[in-house]
């Protein structure tokens, strides 16, 4: 019953956002009482996950539809299982071809759509698509075309630097867990992927000097009722919104120093936090857009250290392949 109430509440919220075309406003079901910490804050602590097969952008076949039916959800999950089984059973590596990657034993990208049944992670604009400028897509494509030329053209994730904000909150192929820790004046997120740690201060009124530019920006947080609102700015222009294939068209899209992100964390049940991020970057997108998804509590999940650089041969191998191609071209 509680799950049905939650889904009905979120359905109404998403439908309202899609109808009026404004930023998504999240709330909890009317009968849910948000637990409190010892000092009276809404308690968001715990281990939360967001692995999912829900795509970043709404597929063309689902245009005009914000939610899947129960039958569509079942079919989508069954088809995915069959495709993954077929792919693992038919791995073939040929000389000079793609050597492949992990099989499903090593991946943990989820096998279900989001509990909300939404058709895309992007919920605003109403079409579920990122309002990406052609110029930004051209930069992304240029970088991917030149990954063998210089390490700077590889994603910040491939280079083991960071996934940034909000990229560090987006689902990927594995390591989709986040530990939230609260004190009276801080909200800390320990990310499993890349092992990033964000310490967000609750007692800051202003951002740091705008001359200071950071990969993950500078965050200032405040409570609006039971919702934690985190505003992040002061970015450098060396990161990107999404760095894994789960980001689809957004993978590798650059950011500028004018990137502005507003995240919202709202606990709507004992096992669910609704997270959203409204992204504004005028040189990259024609308008702000909002990503939203539920985070699911999983106390049994075990987070291990993600030592990204240890054994990271990908970048030197990619660059050496480029040098080999150059030598072959000169022969």
Protein backbone atom coordinates (compact mmCIF):
# COMPACT_ATOMS: atom_id res chain seq x y z
CA UNK A 1 0.00 0.00 0.00
CA UNK A 2 2.81 2.43 0.89
CA UNK A 3 4.53 1.71 -2.45
CA UNK A 4 1.29 2.37 -4.35
CA UNK A 5 0.79 5.65 -2.46
CA UNK A 6 4.38 6.72 -3.21
CA UNK A 7 4.07 5.91 -6.91
CA UNK A 8 0.76 7.76 -7.17
CA UNK A 9 2.25 10.80 -5.47
CA UNK A 10 5.33 10.85 -7.71
CA UNK A 11 3.21 10.27 -10.81
CA UNK A 12 1.20 13.37 -9.98
CA UNK A 13 4.35 15.38 -9.37
CA UNK A 14 6.01 14.31 -12.63
CA UNK A 15 2.81 14.89 -14.60
CA UNK A 16 2.46 18.38 -13.14
CA UNK A 17 6.08 19.19 -13.98
CA UNK A 18 5.67 17.92 -17.54
CA UNK A 19 2.41 19.83 -17.97
CA UNK A 20 3.56 23.23 -16.74
CA UNK A 21 7.14 22.85 -18.01
CA UNK A 22 8.74 24.12 -14.80
CA UNK A 23 11.50 22.72 -12.61
CA UNK A 24 10.48 19.55 -10.80
CA UNK A 25 9.26 20.08 -7.24
CA UNK A 26 9.42 16.96 -5.12
CA UNK A 27 7.52 16.08 -2.00
CA UNK A 28 6.63 13.08 0.13
CA UNK A 29 3.38 11.16 0.43
CA UNK A 30 1.03 12.82 2.88
CA UNK A 31 1.04 10.01 5.43
CA UNK A 32 4.83 9.62 5.62
CA UNK A 33 6.64 11.20 8.58
CA UNK A 34 10.28 11.89 7.77
CA UNK A 35 12.59 10.59 10.53
CA UNK A 36 14.87 13.05 12.32
CA UNK A 37 18.47 13.08 13.42
CA UNK A 38 19.40 13.77 17.04
CA UNK A 39 19.59 17.51 16.28
CA UNK A 40 16.23 17.60 14.52
CA UNK A 41 17.24 17.53 10.84
CA UNK A 42 15.40 15.31 8.34
CA UNK A 43 17.39 12.08 8.40
CA UNK A 44 18.83 11.18 4.99
CA UNK A 45 21.57 8.93 6.32
CA UNK A 46 22.20 5.44 5.05
CA UNK A 47 23.44 3.51 2.04
CA UNK A 48 21.54 4.32 -1.15
CA UNK A 49 21.73 2.89 -4.68
CA UNK A 50 20.42 3.97 -8.09
CA UNK A 51 21.29 1.19 -10.56
CA UNK A 52 18.68 1.15 -13.30
CA UNK A 53 18.00 0.39 -16.95
CA UNK A 54 15.90 3.55 -17.33
CA UNK A 55 17.67 5.60 -20.02
CA UNK A 56 18.96 9.12 -19.59
CA UNK A 57 16.78 10.44 -22.43
CA UNK A 58 13.34 9.33 -23.55
CA UNK A 59 13.49 6.98 -26.57
CA UNK A 60 11.82 8.13 -29.76
CA UNK A 61 9.34 5.25 -29.48
CA UNK A 62 8.05 6.69 -26.20
CA UNK A 63 7.84 10.35 -27.14
CA UNK A 64 4.92 12.09 -25.46
CA UNK A 65 4.83 9.55 -22.63
CA UNK A 66 6.32 10.20 -19.20
CA UNK A 67 5.59 6.73 -17.78
CA UNK A 68 5.62 3.07 -18.77
CA UNK A 69 2.76 0.66 -18.23
CA UNK A 70 3.26 -2.39 -16.03
CA UNK A 71 3.25 -4.64 -19.12
CA UNK A 72 5.88 -2.47 -20.81
CA UNK A 73 8.07 -2.60 -17.73
CA UNK A 74 7.87 -6.40 -17.60
CA UNK A 75 8.64 -6.72 -21.32
CA UNK A 76 11.54 -4.27 -21.16
CA UNK A 77 13.16 -6.10 -18.25
CA UNK A 78 12.66 -9.51 -19.89
CA UNK A 79 14.12 -8.34 -23.20
CA UNK A 80 17.15 -6.93 -21.43
CA UNK A 81 17.81 -10.23 -19.66
CA UNK A 82 17.62 -12.10 -22.95
CA UNK A 83 19.93 -9.64 -24.74
CA UNK A 84 22.52 -9.81 -21.97
CA UNK A 85 22.47 -13.61 -21.95
CA UNK A 86 22.87 -13.72 -25.74
CA UNK A 87 25.75 -11.21 -25.65
CA UNK A 88 27.65 -13.16 -22.99
CA UNK A 89 27.13 -16.46 -24.82
CA UNK A 90 28.31 -15.07 -28.15
CA UNK A 91 31.50 -13.17 -27.34
CA UNK A 92 33.82 -13.24 -30.32
CA UNK A 93 37.15 -11.45 -30.55
CA UNK A 94 38.90 -11.12 -33.89
CA UNK A 95 42.41 -9.91 -34.72
CA UNK A 96 42.38 -6.17 -35.27
CA UNK A 97 38.81 -5.90 -34.06
CA UNK A 98 37.14 -4.83 -30.85
CA UNK A 99 38.60 -6.83 -27.98
CA UNK A 100 35.41 -6.35 -26.00
CA UNK A 101 34.97 -5.46 -22.36
CA UNK A 102 33.45 -6.90 -19.21
CA UNK A 103 30.76 -9.54 -19.37
CA UNK A 104 27.76 -9.37 -17.02
CA UNK A 105 29.62 -11.11 -14.18
CA UNK A 106 31.59 -7.89 -13.66
CA UNK A 107 28.80 -5.38 -14.25
CA UNK A 108 26.09 -4.12 -11.92
CA UNK A 109 24.08 -1.69 -14.00
CA UNK A 110 20.72 -2.90 -12.74
CA UNK A 111 18.04 -5.08 -14.30
CA UNK A 112 14.91 -3.05 -13.58
CA UNK A 113 13.49 0.31 -14.54
CA UNK A 114 13.13 2.97 -11.87
CA UNK A 115 10.38 2.30 -9.32
CA UNK A 116 8.56 5.41 -10.57
CA UNK A 117 8.16 3.85 -14.01
CA UNK A 118 9.38 7.06 -15.66
CA UNK A 119 10.55 6.70 -19.26
CA UNK A 120 13.75 8.72 -18.83
CA UNK A 121 15.96 10.19 -16.13
CA UNK A 122 15.38 13.62 -17.67
CA UNK A 123 11.94 14.80 -16.54
CA UNK A 124 12.05 18.40 -17.72
CA UNK A 125 11.73 19.62 -20.46
CA UNK A 126 8.58 17.52 -20.93
CA UNK A 127 10.00 15.69 -23.98
CA UNK A 128 12.58 13.99 -21.75
CA UNK A 129 15.49 15.15 -23.90
CA UNK A 130 18.50 17.31 -23.04
CA UNK A 131 18.33 20.71 -24.82
CA UNK A 132 21.89 20.29 -26.12
CA UNK A 133 23.37 22.91 -28.44
CA UNK A 134 24.87 21.63 -31.68
CA UNK A 135 28.13 23.44 -30.88
CA UNK A 136 28.48 21.49 -27.62
CA UNK A 137 27.75 18.19 -29.38
CA UNK A 138 30.45 19.08 -31.93
CA UNK A 139 33.03 19.55 -29.15
CA UNK A 140 32.02 16.19 -27.66
CA UNK A 141 32.39 14.48 -31.03
CA UNK A 142 35.76 16.11 -31.65
CA UNK A 143 37.08 14.83 -28.32
CA UNK A 144 35.92 11.26 -28.99
CA UNK A 145 37.49 11.37 -32.46
CA UNK A 146 40.87 12.33 -30.97
CA UNK A 147 41.15 10.09 -27.90
CA UNK A 148 44.27 8.49 -29.40
CA UNK A 149 45.96 11.86 -29.86
CA UNK A 150 46.14 13.16 -26.30
CA UNK A 151 44.95 12.05 -22.87
CA UNK A 152 43.03 15.34 -22.43
CA UNK A 153 40.47 14.14 -24.98
CA UNK A 154 39.53 11.17 -22.80
CA UNK A 155 36.75 11.55 -20.23
CA UNK A 156 37.57 12.66 -16.71
CA UNK A 157 36.28 9.28 -15.52
CA UNK A 158 38.58 7.35 -17.86
CA UNK A 159 41.40 9.48 -16.47
CA UNK A 160 40.35 8.57 -12.89
CA UNK A 161 39.88 12.21 -11.85
CA UNK A 162 36.22 12.57 -10.91
CA UNK A 163 32.75 12.30 -12.38
CA UNK A 164 31.91 15.79 -11.19
CA UNK A 165 28.58 17.18 -10.04
CA UNK A 166 25.97 16.04 -10.89
CA UNK A 167 27.76 13.32 -12.88
CA UNK A 168 28.83 11.54 -9.71
CA UNK A 169 25.15 10.96 -8.88
CA UNK A 170 24.25 9.41 -12.23
CA UNK A 171 23.93 5.63 -12.73
CA UNK A 172 26.76 3.77 -14.46
CA UNK A 173 27.70 0.19 -15.31
CA UNK A 174 28.68 -0.62 -11.73
CA UNK A 175 29.46 0.96 -8.33
CA UNK A 176 26.10 2.72 -8.07
CA UNK A 177 26.13 3.23 -4.31
CA UNK A 178 26.26 6.32 -2.10
CA UNK A 179 26.65 6.63 1.65
CA UNK A 180 25.05 9.71 3.20
CA UNK A 181 26.43 10.96 6.51
CA UNK A 182 25.03 13.91 8.47
CA UNK A 183 26.29 16.11 11.26
CA UNK A 184 24.74 19.28 12.59
CA UNK A 185 26.61 21.38 10.00
CA UNK A 186 27.62 19.01 7.18
CA UNK A 187 26.06 16.60 4.71
CA UNK A 188 28.62 14.16 3.31
CA UNK A 189 28.25 11.90 0.28
CA UNK A 190 30.71 9.02 -0.10
CA UNK A 191 30.55 7.87 -3.73
CA UNK A 192 31.47 4.29 -4.52
CA UNK A 193 32.54 5.15 -8.07
CA UNK A 194 36.02 6.74 -8.12
CA UNK A 195 35.70 6.96 -4.32
CA UNK A 196 34.86 10.67 -4.42
CA UNK A 197 33.75 12.28 -1.17
CA UNK A 198 31.65 15.47 -1.11
CA UNK A 199 31.52 17.32 2.20
CA UNK A 200 28.72 19.86 1.84
CA UNK A 201 28.49 22.53 4.51
CA UNK A 202 25.09 23.47 5.90
CA UNK A 203 26.28 26.62 7.65
CA UNK A 204 27.71 28.51 4.66
CA UNK A 205 25.83 31.54 3.39
CA UNK A 206 28.00 32.29 0.38
CA UNK A 207 30.14 30.47 -2.16
CA UNK A 208 33.91 30.72 -2.20
CA UNK A 209 35.61 33.45 -4.22
CA UNK A 210 34.61 33.13 -7.88
CA UNK A 211 38.29 33.08 -8.85
CA UNK A 212 38.46 29.54 -7.40
CA UNK A 213 37.32 26.97 -9.99
CA UNK A 214 36.87 23.29 -9.14
CA UNK A 215 36.02 20.04 -10.95
CA UNK A 216 33.11 19.41 -8.55
CA UNK A 217 32.34 23.06 -7.98
CA UNK A 218 31.58 24.67 -4.63
CA UNK A 219 28.38 23.60 -2.88
CA UNK A 220 26.17 25.50 -0.44
CA UNK A 221 23.24 23.67 1.16
CA UNK A 222 20.12 24.61 3.08
CA UNK A 223 16.91 22.98 4.25
CA UNK A 224 13.64 23.93 2.62
CA UNK A 225 11.17 22.13 4.84
CA UNK A 226 12.19 18.47 4.73
CA UNK A 227 14.09 18.85 1.45
CA UNK A 228 17.84 19.42 1.34
CA UNK A 229 18.65 21.89 -1.44
CA UNK A 230 22.27 21.97 -2.65
CA UNK A 231 23.44 24.74 -4.97
CA UNK A 232 26.76 24.21 -6.77
CA UNK A 233 28.77 26.69 -8.83
CA UNK A 234 32.44 27.79 -9.19
CA UNK A 235 33.18 25.05 -11.72
CA UNK A 236 36.23 24.85 -13.92
CA UNK A 237 35.71 24.06 -17.60
CA UNK A 238 37.60 20.76 -17.59
CA UNK A 239 34.81 18.36 -16.61
CA UNK A 240 31.58 17.06 -18.12
CA UNK A 241 28.03 16.31 -17.07
CA UNK A 242 28.20 12.57 -17.82
CA UNK A 243 31.22 10.36 -18.40
CA UNK A 244 29.80 6.84 -18.82
CA UNK A 245 27.83 5.27 -21.65
CA UNK A 246 24.71 5.40 -19.46
CA UNK A 247 24.75 9.14 -20.12
CA UNK A 248 23.98 8.45 -23.81
CA UNK A 249 24.23 11.75 -25.78
CA UNK A 250 25.45 13.56 -22.65
CA UNK A 251 28.56 11.41 -22.30
CA UNK A 252 31.57 13.64 -22.92
CA UNK A 253 29.57 16.86 -23.26
CA UNK A 254 31.78 19.63 -21.81
CA UNK A 255 30.86 22.10 -19.09
CA UNK A 256 31.77 25.76 -18.77
CA UNK A 257 32.67 27.89 -15.78
CA UNK A 258 29.07 29.14 -15.84
CA UNK A 259 27.62 25.73 -14.98
CA UNK A 260 25.05 26.02 -12.20
CA UNK A 261 23.46 22.97 -10.55
CA UNK A 262 20.68 22.78 -7.96
CA UNK A 263 20.14 19.37 -6.37
CA UNK A 264 17.22 18.37 -4.16
CA UNK A 265 17.14 15.42 -1.75
CA UNK A 266 13.68 14.54 -0.37
CA UNK A 267 13.01 11.43 1.68
CA UNK A 268 9.61 10.09 0.66
CA UNK A 269 9.63 6.72 2.44
CA UNK A 270 11.87 4.65 4.69
CA UNK A 271 13.52 3.14 1.63
CA UNK A 272 13.34 5.98 -0.93
CA UNK A 273 14.94 9.40 -1.40
CA UNK A 274 13.92 11.40 -4.44
CA UNK A 275 16.96 13.13 -5.92
CA UNK A 276 16.85 15.74 -8.65
CA UNK A 277 19.35 18.06 -10.32
CA UNK A 278 18.45 21.13 -12.35
CA UNK A 279 21.31 22.01 -14.70
CA UNK A 280 21.94 25.42 -16.23
CA UNK A 281 24.85 26.09 -18.59
CA UNK A 282 23.80 28.58 -21.30
CA UNK A 283 26.72 27.96 -23.66
CA UNK A 284 26.02 24.22 -23.67
CA UNK A 285 22.21 23.97 -23.38
CA UNK A 286 19.47 26.15 -24.82
CA UNK A 287 17.57 26.06 -21.52
CA UNK A 288 17.85 24.52 -18.04
CA UNK A 289 16.86 20.86 -17.71
CA UNK A 290 16.14 18.53 -14.80
CA UNK A 291 17.22 14.97 -14.06
CA UNK A 292 15.34 13.11 -11.34
CA UNK A 293 15.29 9.59 -9.93
CA UNK A 294 14.60 7.68 -6.72
CA UNK A 295 17.52 6.47 -4.61
CA UNK A 296 16.80 3.12 -2.94
CA UNK A 297 18.10 2.22 0.50
CA UNK A 298 20.10 -1.01 0.64
CA UNK A 299 21.64 -1.71 4.05
CA UNK A 300 23.03 -5.04 2.82
CA UNK A 301 25.12 -3.47 0.06
CA UNK A 302 28.88 -3.51 0.66
CA UNK A 303 30.98 -0.64 -0.65
CA UNK A 304 34.61 -1.34 -1.45
CA UNK A 305 37.40 1.10 -2.22
CA UNK A 306 37.50 2.02 -5.90
CA UNK A 307 41.23 2.36 -6.59
CA UNK A 308 40.81 3.74 -10.10
CA UNK A 309 44.43 4.45 -11.05
CA UNK A 310 45.84 1.11 -9.91
CA UNK A 311 46.23 -1.01 -13.01
CA UNK A 312 44.64 1.65 -15.24
CA UNK A 313 46.34 0.73 -18.51
CA UNK A 314 43.55 2.05 -20.71
CA UNK A 315 44.93 5.54 -21.33
CA UNK A 316 48.53 4.52 -22.19
CA UNK A 317 47.19 1.70 -24.36
CA UNK A 318 44.85 4.06 -26.22
CA UNK A 319 47.67 6.54 -26.83
CA UNK A 320 50.13 3.82 -27.89
CA UNK A 321 47.53 2.56 -30.38
CA UNK A 322 47.43 6.05 -31.84
CA UNK A 323 51.20 6.15 -32.23
CA UNK A 324 51.14 2.74 -33.90
CA UNK A 325 48.54 3.95 -36.40
CA UNK A 326 50.75 6.95 -37.18
CA UNK A 327 53.76 4.72 -37.82
CA UNK A 328 51.72 2.43 -40.06
CA UNK A 329 50.53 5.45 -42.05
CA UNK A 330 54.15 6.47 -42.69
CA UNK A 331 55.25 3.07 -43.92
